[in-house]
Amino acid sequence: MQKDSGPLVPLHYYGFGYAALVATGGIIGYAKAGSVPSLAAGLFFGGLAGLGAYQLSQDPRNVWVFLATSGTLAGIMGMRFYNSGKFMPAGLIAGTSLLMVAKLGLSMLSSSHP
């Protein structure tokens, strides 16, 4: 029998991509509209997501920074999407954040059972 080596793509790879998406969104917001708050928030949350992804790469059970970051962004950007109805950028970030929360939750559930 072959030992199960885990998922095809490790969760932290998705985490690094998500962090890059968030940071890039902040940079684009600044470039298009001159929005310094978008730049600051994008780089701050992108950096936190990157830190969380790094922690996941070191220990798959260390999900808390990443979970808090993606959960916070899902809430904030979800409300912005609800109020504005605009998919870009609020809907995109809310959707990907929600997917990351779900993926982390599933990862936590599956790792708790041998």
N, C-alpha and C. Protein backbone atom coordinates (compact mmCIF):
# COMPACT_ATOMS: atom_id res chain seq x y z
N MET A 1 0.84 -1.19 0.00
CA MET A 1 0.00 0.00 0.00
C MET A 1 0.88 1.25 0.00
N GLN A 2 0.38 2.24 -0.70
CA GLN A 2 1.11 3.50 -0.77
C GLN A 2 0.56 4.45 0.30
N LYS A 3 1.47 5.15 0.95
CA LYS A 3 1.07 6.10 1.99
C LYS A 3 0.47 7.34 1.34
N ASP A 4 -0.63 7.84 1.92
CA ASP A 4 -1.26 9.07 1.42
C ASP A 4 -0.36 10.25 1.75
N SER A 5 0.05 10.98 0.71
CA SER A 5 0.97 12.09 0.93
C SER A 5 0.24 13.41 1.16
N GLY A 6 -1.05 13.38 1.31
CA GLY A 6 -1.80 14.60 1.57
C GLY A 6 -2.42 15.14 0.30
N PRO A 7 -2.85 16.39 0.35
CA PRO A 7 -3.52 16.97 -0.81
C PRO A 7 -2.56 17.16 -1.99
N LEU A 8 -3.14 17.22 -3.20
CA LEU A 8 -2.31 17.42 -4.39
C LEU A 8 -1.58 18.75 -4.35
N VAL A 9 -2.27 19.79 -3.91
CA VAL A 9 -1.65 21.11 -3.77
C VAL A 9 -1.75 21.51 -2.30
N PRO A 10 -0.61 21.70 -1.65
CA PRO A 10 -0.66 22.07 -0.22
C PRO A 10 -1.41 23.39 -0.02
N LEU A 11 -2.10 23.48 1.10
CA LEU A 11 -2.94 24.63 1.41
C LEU A 11 -2.16 25.95 1.41
N HIS A 12 -0.91 25.91 1.86
CA HIS A 12 -0.16 27.17 1.93
C HIS A 12 0.14 27.74 0.54
N TYR A 13 0.16 26.92 -0.50
CA TYR A 13 0.32 27.46 -1.86
C TYR A 13 -0.86 28.36 -2.21
N TYR A 14 -2.06 27.90 -1.90
CA TYR A 14 -3.24 28.74 -2.10
C TYR A 14 -3.14 30.00 -1.24
N GLY A 15 -2.60 29.85 -0.05
CA GLY A 15 -2.45 30.98 0.86
C GLY A 15 -1.54 32.06 0.30
N PHE A 16 -0.42 31.64 -0.29
CA PHE A 16 0.49 32.63 -0.88
C PHE A 16 -0.15 33.32 -2.08
N GLY A 17 -0.90 32.58 -2.88
CA GLY A 17 -1.62 33.18 -4.00
C GLY A 17 -2.67 34.17 -3.54
N TYR A 18 -3.37 33.81 -2.48
CA TYR A 18 -4.38 34.69 -1.90
C TYR A 18 -3.74 35.96 -1.36
N ALA A 19 -2.61 35.82 -0.68
CA ALA A 19 -1.89 36.99 -0.15
C ALA A 19 -1.47 37.92 -1.28
N ALA A 20 -0.99 37.34 -2.37
CA ALA A 20 -0.58 38.15 -3.53
C ALA A 20 -1.78 38.87 -4.14
N LEU A 21 -2.93 38.18 -4.21
CA LEU A 21 -4.15 38.78 -4.75
C LEU A 21 -4.58 39.99 -3.91
N VAL A 22 -4.56 39.84 -2.61
CA VAL A 22 -4.98 40.92 -1.71
C VAL A 22 -4.03 42.12 -1.83
N ALA A 23 -2.73 41.86 -1.80
CA ALA A 23 -1.76 42.95 -1.91
C ALA A 23 -1.87 43.63 -3.27
N THR A 24 -2.02 42.85 -4.33
CA THR A 24 -2.16 43.42 -5.67
C THR A 24 -3.41 44.26 -5.78
N GLY A 25 -4.49 43.84 -5.14
CA GLY A 25 -5.72 44.62 -5.14
C GLY A 25 -5.52 45.99 -4.52
N GLY A 26 -4.76 46.05 -3.44
CA GLY A 26 -4.46 47.33 -2.81
C GLY A 26 -3.63 48.23 -3.70
N ILE A 27 -2.66 47.63 -4.38
CA ILE A 27 -1.80 48.39 -5.29
C ILE A 27 -2.61 48.92 -6.48
N ILE A 28 -3.50 48.09 -7.02
CA ILE A 28 -4.33 48.52 -8.15
C ILE A 28 -5.29 49.63 -7.71
N GLY A 29 -5.85 49.51 -6.51
CA GLY A 29 -6.73 50.56 -5.98
C GLY A 29 -6.01 51.88 -5.87
N TYR A 30 -4.76 51.83 -5.48
CA TYR A 30 -3.97 53.05 -5.39
C TYR A 30 -3.65 53.59 -6.78
N ALA A 31 -3.27 52.72 -7.70
CA ALA A 31 -2.89 53.15 -9.04
C ALA A 31 -4.07 53.74 -9.81
N LYS A 32 -5.25 53.14 -9.65
CA LYS A 32 -6.42 53.61 -10.40
C LYS A 32 -7.07 54.84 -9.78
N ALA A 33 -7.22 54.85 -8.47
CA ALA A 33 -7.99 55.90 -7.83
C ALA A 33 -7.15 56.78 -6.89
N GLY A 34 -5.87 56.47 -6.75
CA GLY A 34 -5.04 57.24 -5.84
C GLY A 34 -5.42 57.02 -4.38
N SER A 35 -6.03 55.87 -4.09
CA SER A 35 -6.54 55.59 -2.75
C SER A 35 -5.44 55.05 -1.85
N VAL A 36 -4.94 55.90 -0.97
CA VAL A 36 -3.92 55.48 -0.01
C VAL A 36 -4.49 54.46 0.98
N PRO A 37 -5.75 54.62 1.46
CA PRO A 37 -6.30 53.58 2.34
C PRO A 37 -6.35 52.19 1.67
N SER A 38 -6.67 52.15 0.37
CA SER A 38 -6.67 50.85 -0.34
C SER A 38 -5.28 50.25 -0.37
N LEU A 39 -4.30 51.09 -0.64
CA LEU A 39 -2.91 50.62 -0.67
C LEU A 39 -2.50 50.09 0.70
N ALA A 40 -2.77 50.88 1.74
CA ALA A 40 -2.37 50.48 3.10
C ALA A 40 -3.08 49.20 3.53
N ALA A 41 -4.39 49.13 3.30
CA ALA A 41 -5.15 47.93 3.70
C ALA A 41 -4.72 46.72 2.90
N GLY A 42 -4.52 46.89 1.59
CA GLY A 42 -4.10 45.78 0.75
C GLY A 42 -2.75 45.22 1.16
N LEU A 43 -1.80 46.12 1.42
CA LEU A 43 -0.47 45.65 1.83
C LEU A 43 -0.49 45.06 3.24
N PHE A 44 -1.28 45.66 4.13
CA PHE A 44 -1.37 45.15 5.50
C PHE A 44 -1.99 43.75 5.52
N PHE A 45 -3.18 43.61 4.91
CA PHE A 45 -3.85 42.31 4.92
C PHE A 45 -3.13 41.29 4.05
N GLY A 46 -2.54 41.74 2.94
CA GLY A 46 -1.74 40.85 2.11
C GLY A 46 -0.53 40.33 2.88
N GLY A 47 0.10 41.22 3.65
CA GLY A 47 1.23 40.80 4.48
C GLY A 47 0.82 39.82 5.57
N LEU A 48 -0.31 40.09 6.21
CA LEU A 48 -0.80 39.15 7.23
C LEU A 48 -1.15 37.79 6.62
N ALA A 49 -1.78 37.82 5.44
CA ALA A 49 -2.11 36.55 4.78
C ALA A 49 -0.84 35.80 4.39
N GLY A 50 0.18 36.55 3.94
CA GLY A 50 1.46 35.92 3.62
C GLY A 50 2.11 35.30 4.85
N LEU A 51 2.05 36.02 5.97
CA LEU A 51 2.57 35.47 7.22
C LEU A 51 1.81 34.20 7.61
N GLY A 52 0.48 34.26 7.50
CA GLY A 52 -0.33 33.08 7.82
C GLY A 52 -0.01 31.90 6.91
N ALA A 53 0.20 32.17 5.62
CA ALA A 53 0.55 31.10 4.68
C ALA A 53 1.92 30.51 5.02
N TYR A 54 2.85 31.38 5.40
CA TYR A 54 4.18 30.90 5.81
C TYR A 54 4.05 30.00 7.05
N GLN A 55 3.25 30.44 8.02
CA GLN A 55 3.06 29.63 9.23
C GLN A 55 2.44 28.28 8.88
N LEU A 56 1.50 28.28 7.93
CA LEU A 56 0.91 27.01 7.48
C LEU A 56 1.96 26.10 6.84
N SER A 57 2.90 26.70 6.10
CA SER A 57 3.93 25.89 5.45
C SER A 57 4.85 25.24 6.48
N GLN A 58 5.00 25.86 7.64
CA GLN A 58 5.86 25.32 8.69
C GLN A 58 5.13 24.29 9.56
N ASP A 59 3.85 24.55 9.81
CA ASP A 59 3.04 23.66 10.64
C ASP A 59 1.59 23.75 10.17
N PRO A 60 1.08 22.72 9.49
CA PRO A 60 -0.28 22.79 8.94
C PRO A 60 -1.38 23.02 9.97
N ARG A 61 -1.07 22.85 11.25
CA ARG A 61 -2.08 23.09 12.29
C ARG A 61 -2.10 24.55 12.75
N ASN A 62 -1.12 25.34 12.34
CA ASN A 62 -1.01 26.74 12.77
C ASN A 62 -1.79 27.63 11.79
N VAL A 63 -3.11 27.62 11.92
CA VAL A 63 -3.99 28.29 10.96
C VAL A 63 -4.52 29.63 11.45
N TRP A 64 -4.25 30.02 12.68
CA TRP A 64 -5.00 31.10 13.30
C TRP A 64 -4.79 32.47 12.68
N VAL A 65 -3.57 32.85 12.34
CA VAL A 65 -3.34 34.15 11.72
C VAL A 65 -4.03 34.20 10.35
N PHE A 66 -3.87 33.12 9.60
CA PHE A 66 -4.47 33.07 8.26
C PHE A 66 -5.99 33.06 8.33
N LEU A 67 -6.53 32.31 9.27
CA LEU A 67 -7.98 32.24 9.44
C LEU A 67 -8.55 33.58 9.87
N ALA A 68 -7.89 34.25 10.80
CA ALA A 68 -8.36 35.57 11.26
C ALA A 68 -8.30 36.60 10.13
N THR A 69 -7.22 36.56 9.35
CA THR A 69 -7.07 37.51 8.24
C THR A 69 -8.13 37.29 7.18
N SER A 70 -8.29 36.06 6.72
CA SER A 70 -9.27 35.80 5.66
C SER A 70 -10.69 35.98 6.17
N GLY A 71 -10.95 35.65 7.42
CA GLY A 71 -12.28 35.85 7.99
C GLY A 71 -12.63 37.33 8.11
N THR A 72 -11.66 38.12 8.55
CA THR A 72 -11.87 39.57 8.65
C THR A 72 -12.14 40.17 7.28
N LEU A 73 -11.33 39.80 6.29
CA LEU A 73 -11.54 40.32 4.94
C LEU A 73 -12.86 39.86 4.34
N ALA A 74 -13.26 38.63 4.62
CA ALA A 74 -14.55 38.16 4.12
C ALA A 74 -15.68 39.02 4.68
N GLY A 75 -15.60 39.36 5.96
CA GLY A 75 -16.62 40.20 6.58
C GLY A 75 -16.63 41.63 6.06
N ILE A 76 -15.46 42.25 6.05
CA ILE A 76 -15.37 43.65 5.63
C ILE A 76 -15.75 43.80 4.16
N MET A 77 -15.12 42.99 3.31
CA MET A 77 -15.38 43.13 1.87
C MET A 77 -16.76 42.59 1.50
N GLY A 78 -17.25 41.65 2.28
CA GLY A 78 -18.62 41.17 2.05
C GLY A 78 -19.64 42.28 2.29
N MET A 79 -19.43 43.06 3.34
CA MET A 79 -20.33 44.19 3.60
C MET A 79 -20.19 45.26 2.52
N ARG A 80 -18.98 45.52 2.07
CA ARG A 80 -18.79 46.50 1.00
C ARG A 80 -19.47 46.04 -0.28
N PHE A 81 -19.36 44.74 -0.58
CA PHE A 81 -20.02 44.19 -1.77
C PHE A 81 -21.54 44.28 -1.63
N TYR A 82 -22.05 43.96 -0.47
CA TYR A 82 -23.49 44.01 -0.21
C TYR A 82 -24.02 45.43 -0.39
N ASN A 83 -23.28 46.42 0.13
CA ASN A 83 -23.72 47.81 0.05
C ASN A 83 -23.55 48.43 -1.32
N SER A 84 -22.49 48.06 -2.04
CA SER A 84 -22.22 48.67 -3.34
C SER A 84 -22.77 47.87 -4.51
N GLY A 85 -22.84 46.55 -4.36
CA GLY A 85 -23.27 45.69 -5.46
C GLY A 85 -22.20 45.53 -6.53
N LYS A 86 -21.01 46.07 -6.30
CA LYS A 86 -19.93 46.00 -7.29
C LYS A 86 -19.05 44.79 -7.01
N PHE A 87 -18.87 43.96 -8.05
CA PHE A 87 -18.04 42.76 -7.87
C PHE A 87 -16.57 43.12 -7.69
N MET A 88 -16.11 44.12 -8.43
CA MET A 88 -14.70 44.51 -8.34
C MET A 88 -14.56 45.73 -7.46
N PRO A 89 -13.72 45.72 -6.50
CA PRO A 89 -12.90 44.63 -6.00
C PRO A 89 -13.54 43.89 -4.82
N ALA A 90 -14.59 44.50 -4.25
CA ALA A 90 -15.13 43.96 -2.99
C ALA A 90 -15.66 42.54 -3.13
N GLY A 91 -16.41 42.27 -4.18
CA GLY A 91 -16.98 40.94 -4.36
C GLY A 91 -15.92 39.87 -4.58
N LEU A 92 -14.89 40.21 -5.35
CA LEU A 92 -13.81 39.26 -5.61
C LEU A 92 -13.06 38.91 -4.34
N ILE A 93 -12.70 39.91 -3.57
CA ILE A 93 -11.95 39.65 -2.33
C ILE A 93 -12.84 38.96 -1.30
N ALA A 94 -14.11 39.36 -1.22
CA ALA A 94 -15.02 38.68 -0.29
C ALA A 94 -15.18 37.21 -0.66
N GLY A 95 -15.35 36.94 -1.94
CA GLY A 95 -15.52 35.56 -2.39
C GLY A 95 -14.29 34.71 -2.16
N THR A 96 -13.12 35.23 -2.52
CA THR A 96 -11.90 34.44 -2.31
C THR A 96 -11.61 34.28 -0.81
N SER A 97 -11.93 35.30 -0.02
CA SER A 97 -11.73 35.19 1.43
C SER A 97 -12.63 34.12 2.02
N LEU A 98 -13.88 34.11 1.57
CA LEU A 98 -14.82 33.09 2.04
C LEU A 98 -14.36 31.69 1.64
N LEU A 99 -13.84 31.55 0.42
CA LEU A 99 -13.31 30.26 0.00
C LEU A 99 -12.11 29.83 0.86
N MET A 100 -11.27 30.78 1.21
CA MET A 100 -10.11 30.45 2.04
C MET A 100 -10.56 30.03 3.45
N VAL A 101 -11.56 30.71 3.99
CA VAL A 101 -12.09 30.32 5.31
C VAL A 101 -12.65 28.90 5.24
N ALA A 102 -13.39 28.60 4.18
CA ALA A 102 -13.96 27.26 4.02
C ALA A 102 -12.86 26.22 3.85
N LYS A 103 -11.85 26.53 3.06
CA LYS A 103 -10.75 25.59 2.83
C LYS A 103 -9.98 25.34 4.13
N LEU A 104 -9.76 26.39 4.91
CA LEU A 104 -9.09 26.22 6.20
C LEU A 104 -9.94 25.39 7.15
N GLY A 105 -11.25 25.67 7.15
CA GLY A 105 -12.14 24.90 8.01
C GLY A 105 -12.14 23.42 7.66
N LEU A 106 -12.21 23.12 6.38
CA LEU A 106 -12.18 21.72 5.95
C LEU A 106 -10.84 21.07 6.29
N SER A 107 -9.77 21.83 6.14
CA SER A 107 -8.45 21.32 6.48
C SER A 107 -8.36 21.00 7.97
N MET A 108 -8.93 21.89 8.79
CA MET A 108 -8.90 21.66 10.24
C MET A 108 -9.72 20.44 10.62
N LEU A 109 -10.88 20.28 9.98
CA LEU A 109 -11.72 19.13 10.29
C LEU A 109 -11.07 17.83 9.86
N SER A 110 -10.48 17.80 8.67
CA SER A 110 -9.89 16.55 8.19
C SER A 110 -8.61 16.20 8.93
N SER A 111 -7.88 17.20 9.42
CA SER A 111 -6.63 16.89 10.14
C SER A 111 -6.89 16.45 11.58
N SER A 112 -8.08 16.72 12.10
CA SER A 112 -8.37 16.34 13.48
C SER A 112 -8.75 14.86 13.58
N HIS A 113 -9.05 14.24 12.43
CA HIS A 113 -9.39 12.80 12.42
C HIS A 113 -8.26 12.04 11.76
N PRO A 114 -7.75 11.00 12.42
CA PRO A 114 -6.63 10.24 11.83
C PRO A 114 -7.03 9.44 10.62
